[in-house]
Amino acid sequence: MTTAVLYHNPRCSKSREAKALLDDKGVDYEVRLYLSEPLSVGELQALVNQLGIPAADVLRRKEADYETAGLDNSSSEQQILEAIARFPKLLERPILVTAKGARIGRPPEAIREIL
C-alpha cells in the first residue's frame, strides 16, 4: 500500500486534528468516511489485525449504539465486529493505516509513529 488511509469522522475533534497533522506533514492519504461508507465485517477484521489489538479495543462503549447493539463485556470478537459493521459510530477514531502499520489516533500524535 502506497497511500495511507485515514478512517475519519469530520465531527470528531481528534479526527480533525489527525487530518490536520497529515496535511501539515504533506502526507499522501485517502479519507474513508466510515460513517457514510461503513466497513464490512471482513474489512473490520483486517483493520483489527493490522492494529494488532482485539476488536474490543476499537469499540466506543459510551455510544448509545453500544447498548442498542446488545453488546456487553462478554461480547465475542465476532459480535463486536458485526455490531460495528451495523453501527459504524461504534468504531474508535481516527485510525490511520500506512505501509508502516496502523494506529488509533488517540492522541492524534500517535499516528506519527507510522508516517
N, C-alpha and C. Protein backbone atom coordinates (compact mmCIF):
# COMPACT_ATOMS: atom_id res chain seq x y z
N MET A 1 0.85 -1.18 0.00
CA MET A 1 0.00 0.00 0.00
C MET A 1 0.89 1.24 0.00
N THR A 2 0.67 2.10 -0.94
CA THR A 2 1.49 3.31 -1.03
C THR A 2 0.79 4.51 -0.41
N THR A 3 -0.51 4.53 -0.48
CA THR A 3 -1.25 5.65 0.08
C THR A 3 -1.81 5.27 1.44
N ALA A 4 -1.68 6.17 2.37
CA ALA A 4 -2.25 5.95 3.70
C ALA A 4 -3.77 6.11 3.63
N VAL A 5 -4.46 5.48 4.58
CA VAL A 5 -5.91 5.61 4.68
C VAL A 5 -6.24 6.11 6.08
N LEU A 6 -6.99 7.20 6.13
CA LEU A 6 -7.45 7.75 7.40
C LEU A 6 -8.94 7.44 7.54
N TYR A 7 -9.29 6.66 8.54
CA TYR A 7 -10.69 6.40 8.87
C TYR A 7 -11.13 7.59 9.70
N HIS A 8 -11.99 8.40 9.12
CA HIS A 8 -12.22 9.75 9.59
C HIS A 8 -13.70 10.05 9.84
N ASN A 9 -13.93 10.79 10.94
CA ASN A 9 -15.25 11.35 11.24
C ASN A 9 -15.03 12.85 11.38
N PRO A 10 -15.49 13.64 10.41
CA PRO A 10 -15.24 15.08 10.44
C PRO A 10 -15.84 15.79 11.65
N ARG A 11 -16.78 15.17 12.33
CA ARG A 11 -17.37 15.80 13.51
C ARG A 11 -16.56 15.57 14.78
N CYS A 12 -15.55 14.72 14.69
CA CYS A 12 -14.71 14.38 15.85
C CYS A 12 -13.47 15.27 15.87
N SER A 13 -13.24 15.94 16.99
CA SER A 13 -12.10 16.85 17.08
C SER A 13 -10.77 16.11 16.94
N LYS A 14 -10.64 14.93 17.51
CA LYS A 14 -9.39 14.17 17.40
C LYS A 14 -9.15 13.73 15.97
N SER A 15 -10.22 13.39 15.28
CA SER A 15 -10.10 13.00 13.88
C SER A 15 -9.68 14.20 13.03
N ARG A 16 -10.26 15.35 13.31
CA ARG A 16 -9.86 16.57 12.58
C ARG A 16 -8.41 16.92 12.87
N GLU A 17 -7.97 16.73 14.11
CA GLU A 17 -6.57 17.00 14.46
C GLU A 17 -5.63 16.06 13.71
N ALA A 18 -6.00 14.80 13.62
CA ALA A 18 -5.16 13.83 12.90
C ALA A 18 -5.08 14.20 11.42
N LYS A 19 -6.20 14.59 10.84
CA LYS A 19 -6.23 15.00 9.43
C LYS A 19 -5.33 16.23 9.22
N ALA A 20 -5.41 17.19 10.13
CA ALA A 20 -4.58 18.39 10.04
C ALA A 20 -3.09 18.03 10.15
N LEU A 21 -2.77 17.10 11.02
CA LEU A 21 -1.38 16.66 11.17
C LEU A 21 -0.87 16.06 9.87
N LEU A 22 -1.69 15.23 9.23
CA LEU A 22 -1.31 14.63 7.95
C LEU A 22 -1.14 15.71 6.88
N ASP A 23 -2.06 16.65 6.85
CA ASP A 23 -1.97 17.75 5.88
C ASP A 23 -0.72 18.58 6.10
N ASP A 24 -0.42 18.89 7.36
CA ASP A 24 0.77 19.69 7.68
C ASP A 24 2.05 18.98 7.27
N LYS A 25 2.05 17.65 7.37
CA LYS A 25 3.24 16.86 7.03
C LYS A 25 3.32 16.56 5.53
N GLY A 26 2.27 16.92 4.79
CA GLY A 26 2.26 16.67 3.35
C GLY A 26 2.11 15.20 3.00
N VAL A 27 1.47 14.44 3.87
CA VAL A 27 1.29 13.01 3.65
C VAL A 27 0.24 12.77 2.57
N ASP A 28 0.53 11.83 1.67
CA ASP A 28 -0.43 11.41 0.65
C ASP A 28 -1.35 10.37 1.30
N TYR A 29 -2.63 10.70 1.39
CA TYR A 29 -3.56 9.78 2.04
C TYR A 29 -4.95 9.93 1.45
N GLU A 30 -5.74 8.90 1.66
CA GLU A 30 -7.14 8.98 1.28
C GLU A 30 -7.97 8.93 2.55
N VAL A 31 -9.13 9.54 2.48
CA VAL A 31 -10.03 9.60 3.63
C VAL A 31 -11.14 8.60 3.41
N ARG A 32 -11.38 7.79 4.42
CA ARG A 32 -12.54 6.89 4.41
C ARG A 32 -13.52 7.43 5.44
N LEU A 33 -14.61 7.98 4.95
CA LEU A 33 -15.67 8.49 5.82
C LEU A 33 -16.54 7.30 6.24
N TYR A 34 -16.08 6.61 7.28
CA TYR A 34 -16.67 5.32 7.63
C TYR A 34 -18.11 5.41 8.12
N LEU A 35 -18.58 6.60 8.50
CA LEU A 35 -20.00 6.71 8.91
C LEU A 35 -20.92 6.64 7.70
N SER A 36 -20.50 7.21 6.59
CA SER A 36 -21.32 7.17 5.38
C SER A 36 -20.94 6.00 4.47
N GLU A 37 -19.78 5.42 4.72
CA GLU A 37 -19.29 4.27 3.95
C GLU A 37 -18.79 3.21 4.95
N PRO A 38 -19.73 2.56 5.65
CA PRO A 38 -19.35 1.62 6.73
C PRO A 38 -18.46 0.48 6.24
N LEU A 39 -17.62 0.03 7.13
CA LEU A 39 -16.74 -1.10 6.84
C LEU A 39 -17.53 -2.40 6.99
N SER A 40 -17.20 -3.36 6.16
CA SER A 40 -17.79 -4.69 6.29
C SER A 40 -17.13 -5.42 7.46
N VAL A 41 -17.71 -6.52 7.86
CA VAL A 41 -17.11 -7.32 8.93
C VAL A 41 -15.71 -7.75 8.52
N GLY A 42 -15.53 -8.14 7.25
CA GLY A 42 -14.21 -8.54 6.77
C GLY A 42 -13.20 -7.40 6.81
N GLU A 43 -13.63 -6.21 6.41
CA GLU A 43 -12.74 -5.05 6.47
C GLU A 43 -12.38 -4.71 7.91
N LEU A 44 -13.36 -4.83 8.79
CA LEU A 44 -13.09 -4.55 10.21
C LEU A 44 -12.11 -5.56 10.78
N GLN A 45 -12.28 -6.84 10.42
CA GLN A 45 -11.35 -7.87 10.90
C GLN A 45 -9.94 -7.58 10.41
N ALA A 46 -9.81 -7.19 9.14
CA ALA A 46 -8.50 -6.86 8.60
C ALA A 46 -7.90 -5.65 9.32
N LEU A 47 -8.73 -4.65 9.62
CA LEU A 47 -8.26 -3.46 10.31
C LEU A 47 -7.78 -3.80 11.72
N VAL A 48 -8.54 -4.59 12.43
CA VAL A 48 -8.16 -5.01 13.78
C VAL A 48 -6.85 -5.81 13.72
N ASN A 49 -6.72 -6.68 12.72
CA ASN A 49 -5.48 -7.44 12.56
C ASN A 49 -4.29 -6.51 12.30
N GLN A 50 -4.50 -5.48 11.47
CA GLN A 50 -3.42 -4.52 11.20
C GLN A 50 -3.04 -3.76 12.47
N LEU A 51 -4.04 -3.43 13.27
CA LEU A 51 -3.77 -2.72 14.52
C LEU A 51 -3.08 -3.63 15.54
N GLY A 52 -3.31 -4.93 15.43
CA GLY A 52 -2.71 -5.89 16.37
C GLY A 52 -3.35 -5.85 17.75
N ILE A 53 -4.64 -5.52 17.79
CA ILE A 53 -5.36 -5.43 19.06
C ILE A 53 -6.70 -6.16 18.92
N PRO A 54 -7.31 -6.51 20.05
CA PRO A 54 -8.63 -7.13 19.97
C PRO A 54 -9.69 -6.12 19.52
N ALA A 55 -10.75 -6.63 18.93
CA ALA A 55 -11.85 -5.78 18.46
C ALA A 55 -12.40 -4.91 19.58
N ALA A 56 -12.39 -5.41 20.79
CA ALA A 56 -12.91 -4.64 21.92
C ALA A 56 -12.16 -3.32 22.09
N ASP A 57 -10.91 -3.26 21.63
CA ASP A 57 -10.10 -2.05 21.78
C ASP A 57 -10.40 -0.97 20.74
N VAL A 58 -11.21 -1.28 19.74
CA VAL A 58 -11.63 -0.26 18.77
C VAL A 58 -13.10 0.09 18.96
N LEU A 59 -13.66 -0.35 20.05
CA LEU A 59 -15.08 -0.19 20.33
C LEU A 59 -15.33 1.00 21.24
N ARG A 60 -16.24 1.87 20.82
CA ARG A 60 -16.64 3.04 21.62
C ARG A 60 -17.84 2.63 22.48
N ARG A 61 -17.57 2.34 23.71
CA ARG A 61 -18.59 1.82 24.62
C ARG A 61 -19.57 2.88 25.12
N LYS A 62 -19.22 4.15 25.01
CA LYS A 62 -20.09 5.20 25.54
C LYS A 62 -21.15 5.66 24.53
N GLU A 63 -21.08 5.15 23.30
CA GLU A 63 -22.08 5.49 22.30
C GLU A 63 -23.40 4.78 22.62
N ALA A 64 -24.52 5.43 22.34
CA ALA A 64 -25.84 4.83 22.57
C ALA A 64 -25.99 3.53 21.78
N ASP A 65 -25.35 3.46 20.61
CA ASP A 65 -25.45 2.26 19.79
C ASP A 65 -24.84 1.03 20.46
N TYR A 66 -23.97 1.22 21.42
CA TYR A 66 -23.38 0.09 22.15
C TYR A 66 -24.49 -0.73 22.81
N GLU A 67 -25.36 -0.05 23.49
CA GLU A 67 -26.49 -0.72 24.14
C GLU A 67 -27.48 -1.26 23.11
N THR A 68 -27.76 -0.45 22.10
CA THR A 68 -28.67 -0.87 21.03
C THR A 68 -28.20 -2.15 20.37
N ALA A 69 -26.90 -2.30 20.21
CA ALA A 69 -26.32 -3.47 19.57
C ALA A 69 -26.34 -4.70 20.48
N GLY A 70 -26.68 -4.49 21.75
CA GLY A 70 -26.73 -5.61 22.69
C GLY A 70 -25.36 -6.08 23.15
N LEU A 71 -24.38 -5.20 23.08
CA LEU A 71 -23.03 -5.58 23.50
C LEU A 71 -22.85 -5.42 24.99
N ASP A 72 -21.93 -6.20 25.53
CA ASP A 72 -21.51 -6.06 26.92
C ASP A 72 -20.08 -6.57 27.03
N ASN A 73 -19.55 -6.62 28.23
CA ASN A 73 -18.15 -7.01 28.41
C ASN A 73 -17.86 -8.45 28.00
N SER A 74 -18.90 -9.27 27.85
CA SER A 74 -18.68 -10.67 27.46
C SER A 74 -18.86 -10.89 25.95
N SER A 75 -19.09 -9.82 25.18
CA SER A 75 -19.30 -9.97 23.75
C SER A 75 -18.06 -10.53 23.06
N SER A 76 -18.28 -11.41 22.10
CA SER A 76 -17.17 -12.03 21.37
C SER A 76 -16.63 -11.07 20.31
N GLU A 77 -15.46 -11.42 19.78
CA GLU A 77 -14.87 -10.63 18.70
C GLU A 77 -15.86 -10.52 17.54
N GLN A 78 -16.46 -11.63 17.17
CA GLN A 78 -17.39 -11.64 16.04
C GLN A 78 -18.59 -10.75 16.31
N GLN A 79 -19.14 -10.81 17.53
CA GLN A 79 -20.28 -9.96 17.88
C GLN A 79 -19.90 -8.48 17.80
N ILE A 80 -18.71 -8.15 18.26
CA ILE A 80 -18.25 -6.76 18.23
C ILE A 80 -18.08 -6.29 16.79
N LEU A 81 -17.44 -7.09 15.96
CA LEU A 81 -17.23 -6.71 14.56
C LEU A 81 -18.56 -6.55 13.83
N GLU A 82 -19.49 -7.45 14.07
CA GLU A 82 -20.81 -7.36 13.44
C GLU A 82 -21.54 -6.10 13.91
N ALA A 83 -21.41 -5.78 15.20
CA ALA A 83 -22.06 -4.58 15.73
C ALA A 83 -21.47 -3.31 15.12
N ILE A 84 -20.15 -3.25 14.98
CA ILE A 84 -19.51 -2.07 14.39
C ILE A 84 -19.92 -1.95 12.92
N ALA A 85 -20.03 -3.07 12.22
CA ALA A 85 -20.47 -3.03 10.82
C ALA A 85 -21.88 -2.47 10.71
N ARG A 86 -22.74 -2.82 11.66
CA ARG A 86 -24.13 -2.33 11.65
C ARG A 86 -24.25 -0.92 12.18
N PHE A 87 -23.41 -0.59 13.16
CA PHE A 87 -23.44 0.72 13.84
C PHE A 87 -22.04 1.34 13.78
N PRO A 88 -21.68 1.96 12.67
CA PRO A 88 -20.31 2.44 12.49
C PRO A 88 -19.85 3.48 13.52
N LYS A 89 -20.79 4.13 14.21
CA LYS A 89 -20.38 5.08 15.25
C LYS A 89 -19.59 4.39 16.36
N LEU A 90 -19.71 3.08 16.44
CA LEU A 90 -19.01 2.32 17.49
C LEU A 90 -17.51 2.18 17.22
N LEU A 91 -17.06 2.53 16.02
CA LEU A 91 -15.64 2.41 15.69
C LEU A 91 -14.87 3.59 16.28
N GLU A 92 -13.83 3.27 17.02
CA GLU A 92 -12.95 4.31 17.56
C GLU A 92 -12.34 5.08 16.41
N ARG A 93 -12.08 6.34 16.63
CA ARG A 93 -11.50 7.18 15.59
C ARG A 93 -10.56 8.20 16.20
N PRO A 94 -9.70 8.70 15.36
CA PRO A 94 -9.38 8.31 14.00
C PRO A 94 -8.47 7.09 13.99
N ILE A 95 -8.42 6.41 12.86
CA ILE A 95 -7.48 5.31 12.66
C ILE A 95 -6.74 5.60 11.37
N LEU A 96 -5.41 5.48 11.42
CA LEU A 96 -4.58 5.66 10.24
C LEU A 96 -3.89 4.35 9.91
N VAL A 97 -3.92 3.98 8.63
CA VAL A 97 -3.21 2.80 8.15
C VAL A 97 -2.23 3.27 7.08
N THR A 98 -0.96 2.89 7.26
CA THR A 98 0.08 3.20 6.29
C THR A 98 0.85 1.91 6.00
N ALA A 99 1.82 2.00 5.11
CA ALA A 99 2.66 0.85 4.81
C ALA A 99 3.45 0.41 6.04
N LYS A 100 3.61 1.31 7.02
CA LYS A 100 4.36 1.00 8.24
C LYS A 100 3.51 0.43 9.36
N GLY A 101 2.18 0.38 9.18
CA GLY A 101 1.32 -0.17 10.22
C GLY A 101 0.03 0.61 10.35
N ALA A 102 -0.62 0.39 11.47
CA ALA A 102 -1.90 1.05 11.76
C ALA A 102 -1.89 1.52 13.19
N ARG A 103 -2.53 2.66 13.44
CA ARG A 103 -2.62 3.23 14.79
C ARG A 103 -3.96 3.93 14.96
N ILE A 104 -4.47 3.85 16.18
CA ILE A 104 -5.60 4.69 16.58
C ILE A 104 -5.01 6.03 16.97
N GLY A 105 -5.56 7.10 16.45
CA GLY A 105 -5.03 8.44 16.69
C GLY A 105 -5.57 9.08 17.94
N ARG A 106 -5.42 8.43 19.05
CA ARG A 106 -5.80 8.97 20.35
C ARG A 106 -4.62 8.81 21.29
N PRO A 107 -3.87 9.84 21.48
CA PRO A 107 -3.98 11.18 20.93
C PRO A 107 -3.56 11.19 19.46
N PRO A 108 -3.92 12.23 18.72
CA PRO A 108 -3.60 12.28 17.30
C PRO A 108 -2.11 12.11 17.01
N GLU A 109 -1.25 12.51 17.91
CA GLU A 109 0.20 12.38 17.71
C GLU A 109 0.64 10.92 17.60
N ALA A 110 -0.20 9.99 18.06
CA ALA A 110 0.16 8.57 17.99
C ALA A 110 0.36 8.10 16.56
N ILE A 111 -0.24 8.79 15.61
CA ILE A 111 -0.09 8.36 14.21
C ILE A 111 1.27 8.70 13.64
N ARG A 112 2.01 9.58 14.30
CA ARG A 112 3.36 9.94 13.82
C ARG A 112 4.26 8.73 13.72
N GLU A 113 4.04 7.73 14.59
CA GLU A 113 4.89 6.54 14.64
C GLU A 113 4.90 5.78 13.32
N ILE A 114 3.85 5.94 12.51
CA ILE A 114 3.75 5.14 11.28
C ILE A 114 3.81 6.00 10.01
N LEU A 115 4.24 7.23 10.15
CA LEU A 115 4.37 8.09 8.97
C LEU A 115 5.70 7.84 8.27
